[in-house]
Amino acid sequence: MGLRINDIVPNFTAMTDQGEITFHDWIGDSWAILFSHPKDFTPVCTTEFGAVAQLAEEWEKRGTKVIGLSVDGADEHVQWKSDIEGFANAKAGFPIIADTDLAVSKAFDMLPAEAYLPDGRTAADSASVRSVFIISPDKKVQLIMTYPMSVGRNFAEVLRALDGLQKTYGAPLATPANWTIGQDVIAALSLSDDEAKEKFGDVDIKLPYLRFVKA
């Protein structure tokens, strides 16, 4: 069975370009985002890592650690970061996991158990390793996104989703379509109208099951 929302993320020890980490210890009490890539020195991935680097202050504001993963080695990650930083004009201060044996990719259900890296491989051999996992401080998966090789990920959307998760985490709330910070949110159906009013103040009842409250 694959990894699902609310599962505790696999714990692992792995080498990164910044040294060895144990994943749960690295997360600590923070939110965390793991974003994975099939190969270093590839075009779409370089733009994505650059986008993550440019958002460094936004991740920090939200108490969120970010970590990359690629199936190449740590030395290659160090070299690749030079390209990333030159392209993005931003410091790529986050670590990148060296998943050379595919152990982490398989633990997170990004590749089948029998997958391996053949000699002379290309990114297509590990194409499914293009996922995003947002993880809460209790080490549980809160969101999973997986993209094809040809479509670059929208990290503004990852940031928006993180905002929504942090707004609703442990609260009887949900966010509507296209929600951004400052907009009204939805009171959960676990609350009656009176309970919603007592907890949140004014309740804008659009439908019996759709009730907006101030964020």
C-alpha atoms as a PDB file:
ATOM      1  CA  MET A   1       0.000   0.000   0.000  1.00  0.00           C
ATOM      2  CA  GLY A   2       1.335   3.419  -0.939  1.00  0.00           C
ATOM      3  CA  LEU A   3       1.941   6.401   1.301  1.00  0.00           C
ATOM      4  CA  ARG A   4      -1.261   8.322   2.010  1.00  0.00           C
ATOM      5  CA  ILE A   5      -2.338  11.540   3.672  1.00  0.00           C
ATOM      6  CA  ASN A   6      -2.115  11.298   7.489  1.00  0.00           C
ATOM      7  CA  ASP A   7       0.444   8.478   7.333  1.00  0.00           C
ATOM      8  CA  ILE A   8       3.589   9.073   9.365  1.00  0.00           C
ATOM      9  CA  VAL A   9       6.363   9.669   6.860  1.00  0.00           C
ATOM     10  CA  PRO A  10       9.109   7.051   6.640  1.00  0.00           C
ATOM     11  CA  ASN A  11      12.114   7.802   8.776  1.00  0.00           C
ATOM     12  CA  PHE A  12      15.477   7.257   7.117  1.00  0.00           C
ATOM     13  CA  THR A  13      19.121   8.155   7.376  1.00  0.00           C
ATOM     14  CA  ALA A  14      20.689   9.466   4.180  1.00  0.00           C
ATOM     15  CA  MET A  15      23.587  11.502   2.873  1.00  0.00           C
ATOM     16  CA  THR A  16      22.926  15.009   1.534  1.00  0.00           C
ATOM     17  CA  ASP A  17      25.185  17.666   0.068  1.00  0.00           C
ATOM     18  CA  GLN A  18      25.268  19.127   3.596  1.00  0.00           C
ATOM     19  CA  GLY A  19      26.107  15.872   5.381  1.00  0.00           C
ATOM     20  CA  GLU A  20      24.160  12.949   6.805  1.00  0.00           C
ATOM     21  CA  ILE A  21      20.649  13.441   8.186  1.00  0.00           C
ATOM     22  CA  THR A  22      18.038  11.334   9.939  1.00  0.00           C
ATOM     23  CA  PHE A  23      14.780  12.574   8.500  1.00  0.00           C
ATOM     24  CA  HIS A  24      12.544  12.764  11.582  1.00  0.00           C
ATOM     25  CA  ASP A  25      15.328  14.434  13.562  1.00  0.00           C
ATOM     26  CA  TRP A  26      15.906  16.877  10.704  1.00  0.00           C
ATOM     27  CA  ILE A  27      12.193  17.819  10.652  1.00  0.00           C
ATOM     28  CA  GLY A  28      12.176  18.383  14.416  1.00  0.00           C
ATOM     29  CA  ASP A  29       9.156  20.501  15.401  1.00  0.00           C
ATOM     30  CA  SER A  30       8.863  22.212  12.027  1.00  0.00           C
ATOM     31  CA  TRP A  31       6.700  21.833   8.991  1.00  0.00           C
ATOM     32  CA  ALA A  32       8.675  20.292   6.152  1.00  0.00           C
ATOM     33  CA  ILE A  33       8.511  19.967   2.379  1.00  0.00           C
ATOM     34  CA  LEU A  34      10.274  17.189   0.492  1.00  0.00           C
ATOM     35  CA  PHE A  35      10.481  17.770  -3.264  1.00  0.00           C
ATOM     36  CA  SER A  36      12.048  15.110  -5.422  1.00  0.00           C
ATOM     37  CA  HIS A  37      13.745  14.999  -8.808  1.00  0.00           C
ATOM     38  CA  PRO A  38      14.825  12.215 -11.183  1.00  0.00           C
ATOM     39  CA  LYS A  39      18.302  13.518 -12.036  1.00  0.00           C
ATOM     40  CA  ASP A  40      20.752  16.366 -11.506  1.00  0.00           C
ATOM     41  CA  PHE A  41      21.653  18.724 -14.356  1.00  0.00           C
ATOM     42  CA  THR A  42      18.243  18.478 -16.024  1.00  0.00           C
ATOM     43  CA  PRO A  43      16.419  21.539 -17.369  1.00  0.00           C
ATOM     44  CA  VAL A  44      12.995  21.511 -15.705  1.00  0.00           C
ATOM     45  CA  CYS A  45      14.421  20.453 -12.341  1.00  0.00           C
ATOM     46  CA  THR A  46      16.968  23.264 -12.432  1.00  0.00           C
ATOM     47  CA  THR A  47      14.179  25.835 -12.824  1.00  0.00           C
ATOM     48  CA  GLU A  48      12.227  24.187  -9.983  1.00  0.00           C
ATOM     49  CA  PHE A  49      15.142  24.152  -7.561  1.00  0.00           C
ATOM     50  CA  GLY A  50      15.698  27.783  -8.492  1.00  0.00           C
ATOM     51  CA  ALA A  51      12.086  28.610  -7.655  1.00  0.00           C
ATOM     52  CA  VAL A  52      12.457  26.957  -4.247  1.00  0.00           C
ATOM     53  CA  ALA A  53      15.648  28.931  -3.597  1.00  0.00           C
ATOM     54  CA  GLN A  54      13.925  32.210  -4.478  1.00  0.00           C
ATOM     55  CA  LEU A  55      11.212  31.471  -1.887  1.00  0.00           C
ATOM     56  CA  ALA A  56      13.662  30.981   0.997  1.00  0.00           C
ATOM     57  CA  GLU A  57      12.266  33.881   3.036  1.00  0.00           C
ATOM     58  CA  GLU A  58       8.694  32.639   2.548  1.00  0.00           C
ATOM     59  CA  TRP A  59       9.523  29.138   3.827  1.00  0.00           C
ATOM     60  CA  GLU A  60      11.262  30.688   6.837  1.00  0.00           C
ATOM     61  CA  LYS A  61       8.277  32.933   7.640  1.00  0.00           C
ATOM     62  CA  ARG A  62       6.106  29.822   7.796  1.00  0.00           C
ATOM     63  CA  GLY A  63       8.483  27.836   9.999  1.00  0.00           C
ATOM     64  CA  THR A  64       8.983  25.326   7.209  1.00  0.00           C
ATOM     65  CA  LYS A  65      12.105  23.405   6.249  1.00  0.00           C
ATOM     66  CA  VAL A  66      12.572  22.373   2.618  1.00  0.00           C
ATOM     67  CA  ILE A  67      14.693  19.515   1.358  1.00  0.00           C
ATOM     68  CA  GLY A  68      15.302  18.244  -2.145  1.00  0.00           C
ATOM     69  CA  LEU A  69      15.944  14.723  -3.346  1.00  0.00           C
ATOM     70  CA  SER A  70      17.681  13.474  -6.451  1.00  0.00           C
ATOM     71  CA  VAL A  71      18.979  10.027  -7.276  1.00  0.00           C
ATOM     72  CA  ASP A  72      22.493  11.293  -8.017  1.00  0.00           C
ATOM     73  CA  GLY A  73      25.315  11.589  -5.478  1.00  0.00           C
ATOM     74  CA  ALA A  74      26.052  14.351  -2.983  1.00  0.00           C
ATOM     75  CA  ASP A  75      29.127  15.551  -4.902  1.00  0.00           C
ATOM     76  CA  GLU A  76      27.001  16.011  -8.019  1.00  0.00           C
ATOM     77  CA  HIS A  77      24.423  17.906  -5.960  1.00  0.00           C
ATOM     78  CA  VAL A  78      27.116  20.378  -4.880  1.00  0.00           C
ATOM     79  CA  GLN A  79      28.126  20.977  -8.488  1.00  0.00           C
ATOM     80  CA  TRP A  80      24.522  21.264  -9.650  1.00  0.00           C
ATOM     81  CA  LYS A  81      23.743  23.886  -7.026  1.00  0.00           C
ATOM     82  CA  SER A  82      26.201  26.200  -8.737  1.00  0.00           C
ATOM     83  CA  ASP A  83      24.055  26.059 -11.873  1.00  0.00           C
ATOM     84  CA  ILE A  84      20.842  26.464  -9.858  1.00  0.00           C
ATOM     85  CA  GLU A  85      22.088  29.524  -8.001  1.00  0.00           C
ATOM     86  CA  GLY A  86      23.459  31.115 -11.148  1.00  0.00           C
ATOM     87  CA  PHE A  87      20.165  30.612 -12.982  1.00  0.00           C
ATOM     88  CA  ALA A  88      17.912  31.724 -10.105  1.00  0.00           C
ATOM     89  CA  ASN A  89      20.196  34.433  -8.721  1.00  0.00           C
ATOM     90  CA  ALA A  90      19.389  33.043  -5.276  1.00  0.00           C
ATOM     91  CA  LYS A  91      21.194  30.939  -2.680  1.00  0.00           C
ATOM     92  CA  ALA A  92      20.070  27.301  -2.621  1.00  0.00           C
ATOM     93  CA  GLY A  93      20.602  26.835   1.097  1.00  0.00           C
ATOM     94  CA  PHE A  94      18.452  23.726   1.489  1.00  0.00           C
ATOM     95  CA  PRO A  95      19.961  20.211   1.526  1.00  0.00           C
ATOM     96  CA  ILE A  96      19.512  17.709  -1.301  1.00  0.00           C
ATOM     97  CA  ILE A  97      19.249  14.016  -0.440  1.00  0.00           C
ATOM     98  CA  ALA A  98      21.531  11.711  -2.431  1.00  0.00           C
ATOM     99  CA  ASP A  99      19.144   8.816  -3.072  1.00  0.00           C
ATOM    100  CA  THR A 100      21.584   6.805  -5.167  1.00  0.00           C
ATOM    101  CA  ASP A 101      20.134   3.447  -4.126  1.00  0.00           C
ATOM    102  CA  LEU A 102      16.510   4.640  -4.568  1.00  0.00           C
ATOM    103  CA  ALA A 103      15.770   3.662  -0.958  1.00  0.00           C
ATOM    104  CA  VAL A 104      13.994   6.911  -0.085  1.00  0.00           C
ATOM    105  CA  SER A 105      12.135   7.062  -3.416  1.00  0.00           C
ATOM    106  CA  LYS A 106      10.800   3.561  -2.858  1.00  0.00           C
ATOM    107  CA  ALA A 107       9.933   4.201   0.816  1.00  0.00           C
ATOM    108  CA  PHE A 108       7.834   7.190  -0.285  1.00  0.00           C
ATOM    109  CA  ASP A 109       6.203   5.087  -3.026  1.00  0.00           C
ATOM    110  CA  MET A 110       7.633   7.172  -5.866  1.00  0.00           C
ATOM    111  CA  LEU A 111       9.069   4.141  -7.657  1.00  0.00           C
ATOM    112  CA  PRO A 112       8.179   0.443  -7.826  1.00  0.00           C
ATOM    113  CA  ALA A 113      10.121  -1.911  -5.584  1.00  0.00           C
ATOM    114  CA  GLU A 114      11.918  -3.488  -8.539  1.00  0.00           C
ATOM    115  CA  ALA A 115      13.157  -0.173  -9.978  1.00  0.00           C
ATOM    116  CA  TYR A 116      16.907   0.229 -10.432  1.00  0.00           C
ATOM    117  CA  LEU A 117      19.300   2.633 -12.133  1.00  0.00           C
ATOM    118  CA  PRO A 118      20.899   1.068 -15.222  1.00  0.00           C
ATOM    119  CA  ASP A 119      24.256   2.098 -16.627  1.00  0.00           C
ATOM    120  CA  GLY A 120      23.994   5.108 -18.884  1.00  0.00           C
ATOM    121  CA  ARG A 121      20.605   5.937 -17.445  1.00  0.00           C
ATOM    122  CA  THR A 122      18.601   9.028 -18.247  1.00  0.00           C
ATOM    123  CA  ALA A 123      16.040  10.908 -16.158  1.00  0.00           C
ATOM    124  CA  ALA A 124      13.360   8.744 -17.793  1.00  0.00           C
ATOM    125  CA  ASP A 125      14.605   5.749 -15.785  1.00  0.00           C
ATOM    126  CA  SER A 126      13.484   7.500 -12.589  1.00  0.00           C
ATOM    127  CA  ALA A 127      10.775   9.666 -14.131  1.00  0.00           C
ATOM    128  CA  SER A 128       8.189   9.147 -11.413  1.00  0.00           C
ATOM    129  CA  VAL A 129      10.487  10.733  -8.841  1.00  0.00           C
ATOM    130  CA  ARG A 130       8.835  14.159  -9.297  1.00  0.00           C
ATOM    131  CA  SER A 131       6.758  14.511  -6.176  1.00  0.00           C
ATOM    132  CA  VAL A 132       6.065  17.044  -3.432  1.00  0.00           C
ATOM    133  CA  PHE A 133       5.244  16.019   0.131  1.00  0.00           C
ATOM    134  CA  ILE A 134       4.139  18.555   2.742  1.00  0.00           C
ATOM    135  CA  ILE A 135       4.672  17.189   6.245  1.00  0.00           C
ATOM    136  CA  SER A 136       3.293  18.559   9.518  1.00  0.00           C
ATOM    137  CA  PRO A 137       5.314  18.789  12.767  1.00  0.00           C
ATOM    138  CA  ASP A 138       3.814  15.494  13.951  1.00  0.00           C
ATOM    139  CA  LYS A 139       5.632  13.854  11.002  1.00  0.00           C
ATOM    140  CA  LYS A 140       2.407  13.099   9.104  1.00  0.00           C
ATOM    141  CA  VAL A 141       1.866  13.576   5.389  1.00  0.00           C
ATOM    142  CA  GLN A 142      -0.556  16.437   4.786  1.00  0.00           C
ATOM    143  CA  LEU A 143      -0.333  16.755   0.994  1.00  0.00           C
ATOM    144  CA  ILE A 144       1.108  14.835  -1.962  1.00  0.00           C
ATOM    145  CA  MET A 145       1.577  16.157  -5.512  1.00  0.00           C
ATOM    146  CA  THR A 146       3.162  14.219  -8.386  1.00  0.00           C
ATOM    147  CA  TYR A 147       4.022  15.786 -11.734  1.00  0.00           C
ATOM    148  CA  PRO A 148       5.045  14.386 -15.124  1.00  0.00           C
ATOM    149  CA  MET A 149       8.468  15.055 -16.621  1.00  0.00           C
ATOM    150  CA  SER A 150       7.238  17.715 -19.033  1.00  0.00           C
ATOM    151  CA  VAL A 151       5.426  20.058 -16.619  1.00  0.00           C
ATOM    152  CA  GLY A 152       7.336  22.232 -14.177  1.00  0.00           C
ATOM    153  CA  ARG A 153       5.856  22.462 -10.724  1.00  0.00           C
ATOM    154  CA  ASN A 154       4.227  25.689  -9.553  1.00  0.00           C
ATOM    155  CA  PHE A 155       5.869  26.448  -6.219  1.00  0.00           C
ATOM    156  CA  ALA A 156       3.578  29.425  -5.703  1.00  0.00           C
ATOM    157  CA  GLU A 157       0.824  26.795  -5.481  1.00  0.00           C
ATOM    158  CA  VAL A 158       2.908  24.711  -3.074  1.00  0.00           C
ATOM    159  CA  LEU A 159       3.258  27.832  -0.914  1.00  0.00           C
ATOM    160  CA  ARG A 160      -0.487  28.529  -1.149  1.00  0.00           C
ATOM    161  CA  ALA A 161      -1.277  24.945  -0.171  1.00  0.00           C
ATOM    162  CA  LEU A 162       1.110  25.208   2.774  1.00  0.00           C
ATOM    163  CA  ASP A 163      -0.717  28.355   3.904  1.00  0.00           C
ATOM    164  CA  GLY A 164      -4.031  26.518   3.709  1.00  0.00           C
ATOM    165  CA  LEU A 165      -2.703  23.557   5.643  1.00  0.00           C
ATOM    166  CA  GLN A 166      -1.268  25.741   8.376  1.00  0.00           C
ATOM    167  CA  LYS A 167      -4.501  27.756   8.615  1.00  0.00           C
ATOM    168  CA  THR A 168      -6.665  24.640   9.038  1.00  0.00           C
ATOM    169  CA  TYR A 169      -4.229  22.394  10.962  1.00  0.00           C
ATOM    170  CA  GLY A 170      -5.974  21.175  14.106  1.00  0.00           C
ATOM    171  CA  ALA A 171      -8.882  23.584  13.579  1.00  0.00           C
ATOM    172  CA  PRO A 172     -12.477  22.895  12.406  1.00  0.00           C
ATOM    173  CA  LEU A 173     -11.862  24.848   9.209  1.00  0.00           C
ATOM    174  CA  ALA A 174     -11.303  24.313   5.493  1.00  0.00           C
ATOM    175  CA  THR A 175     -10.280  26.616   2.663  1.00  0.00           C
ATOM    176  CA  PRO A 176     -12.351  27.176  -0.490  1.00  0.00           C
ATOM    177  CA  ALA A 177     -11.103  26.955  -4.058  1.00  0.00           C
ATOM    178  CA  ASN A 178      -8.333  29.410  -4.921  1.00  0.00           C
ATOM    179  CA  TRP A 179      -8.074  30.592  -1.301  1.00  0.00           C
ATOM    180  CA  THR A 180      -5.206  32.870  -0.334  1.00  0.00           C
ATOM    181  CA  ILE A 181      -4.169  34.390   3.003  1.00  0.00           C
ATOM    182  CA  GLY A 182      -6.633  36.969   4.288  1.00  0.00           C
ATOM    183  CA  GLN A 183      -9.694  35.546   2.547  1.00  0.00           C
ATOM    184  CA  ASP A 184     -12.601  33.956   4.402  1.00  0.00           C
ATOM    185  CA  VAL A 185     -12.453  30.273   5.266  1.00  0.00           C
ATOM    186  CA  ILE A 186     -15.111  27.577   5.656  1.00  0.00           C
ATOM    187  CA  ALA A 187     -16.472  26.366   8.987  1.00  0.00           C
ATOM    188  CA  ALA A 188     -16.326  22.580   9.241  1.00  0.00           C
ATOM    189  CA  LEU A 189     -19.545  20.580   9.153  1.00  0.00           C
ATOM    190  CA  SER A 190     -18.598  19.122  12.541  1.00  0.00           C
ATOM    191  CA  LEU A 191     -19.843  22.429  14.026  1.00  0.00           C
ATOM    192  CA  SER A 192     -23.476  23.478  14.235  1.00  0.00           C
ATOM    193  CA  ASP A 193     -24.366  27.017  13.168  1.00  0.00           C
ATOM    194  CA  ASP A 194     -24.482  28.111  16.813  1.00  0.00           C
ATOM    195  CA  GLU A 195     -21.143  26.456  17.580  1.00  0.00           C
ATOM    196  CA  ALA A 196     -19.562  28.107  14.535  1.00  0.00           C
ATOM    197  CA  LYS A 197     -20.868  31.510  15.651  1.00  0.00           C
ATOM    198  CA  GLU A 198     -19.613  30.982  19.191  1.00  0.00           C
ATOM    199  CA  LYS A 199     -16.153  29.954  17.963  1.00  0.00           C
ATOM    200  CA  PHE A 200     -15.629  32.298  15.010  1.00  0.00           C
ATOM    201  CA  GLY A 201     -18.115  35.162  15.348  1.00  0.00           C
ATOM    202  CA  ASP A 202     -20.136  36.127  12.268  1.00  0.00           C
ATOM    203  CA  VAL A 203     -21.038  33.251   9.983  1.00  0.00           C
ATOM    204  CA  ASP A 204     -21.949  33.887   6.343  1.00  0.00           C
ATOM    205  CA  ILE A 205     -24.282  31.008   5.452  1.00  0.00           C
ATOM    206  CA  LYS A 206     -24.257  30.544   1.669  1.00  0.00           C
ATOM    207  CA  LEU A 207     -25.821  27.077   1.814  1.00  0.00           C
ATOM    208  CA  PRO A 208     -26.730  24.872   4.783  1.00  0.00           C
ATOM    209  CA  TYR A 209     -23.437  23.050   4.269  1.00  0.00           C
ATOM    210  CA  LEU A 210     -21.307  26.018   3.086  1.00  0.00           C
ATOM    211  CA  ARG A 211     -20.614  28.582   5.796  1.00  0.00           C
ATOM    212  CA  PHE A 212     -17.871  31.189   5.584  1.00  0.00           C
ATOM    213  CA  VAL A 213     -16.144  32.771   8.568  1.00  0.00           C
ATOM    214  CA  LYS A 214     -13.371  35.334   8.864  1.00  0.00           C
ATOM    215  CA  ALA A 215      -9.872  33.917   8.750  1.00  0.00           C
END
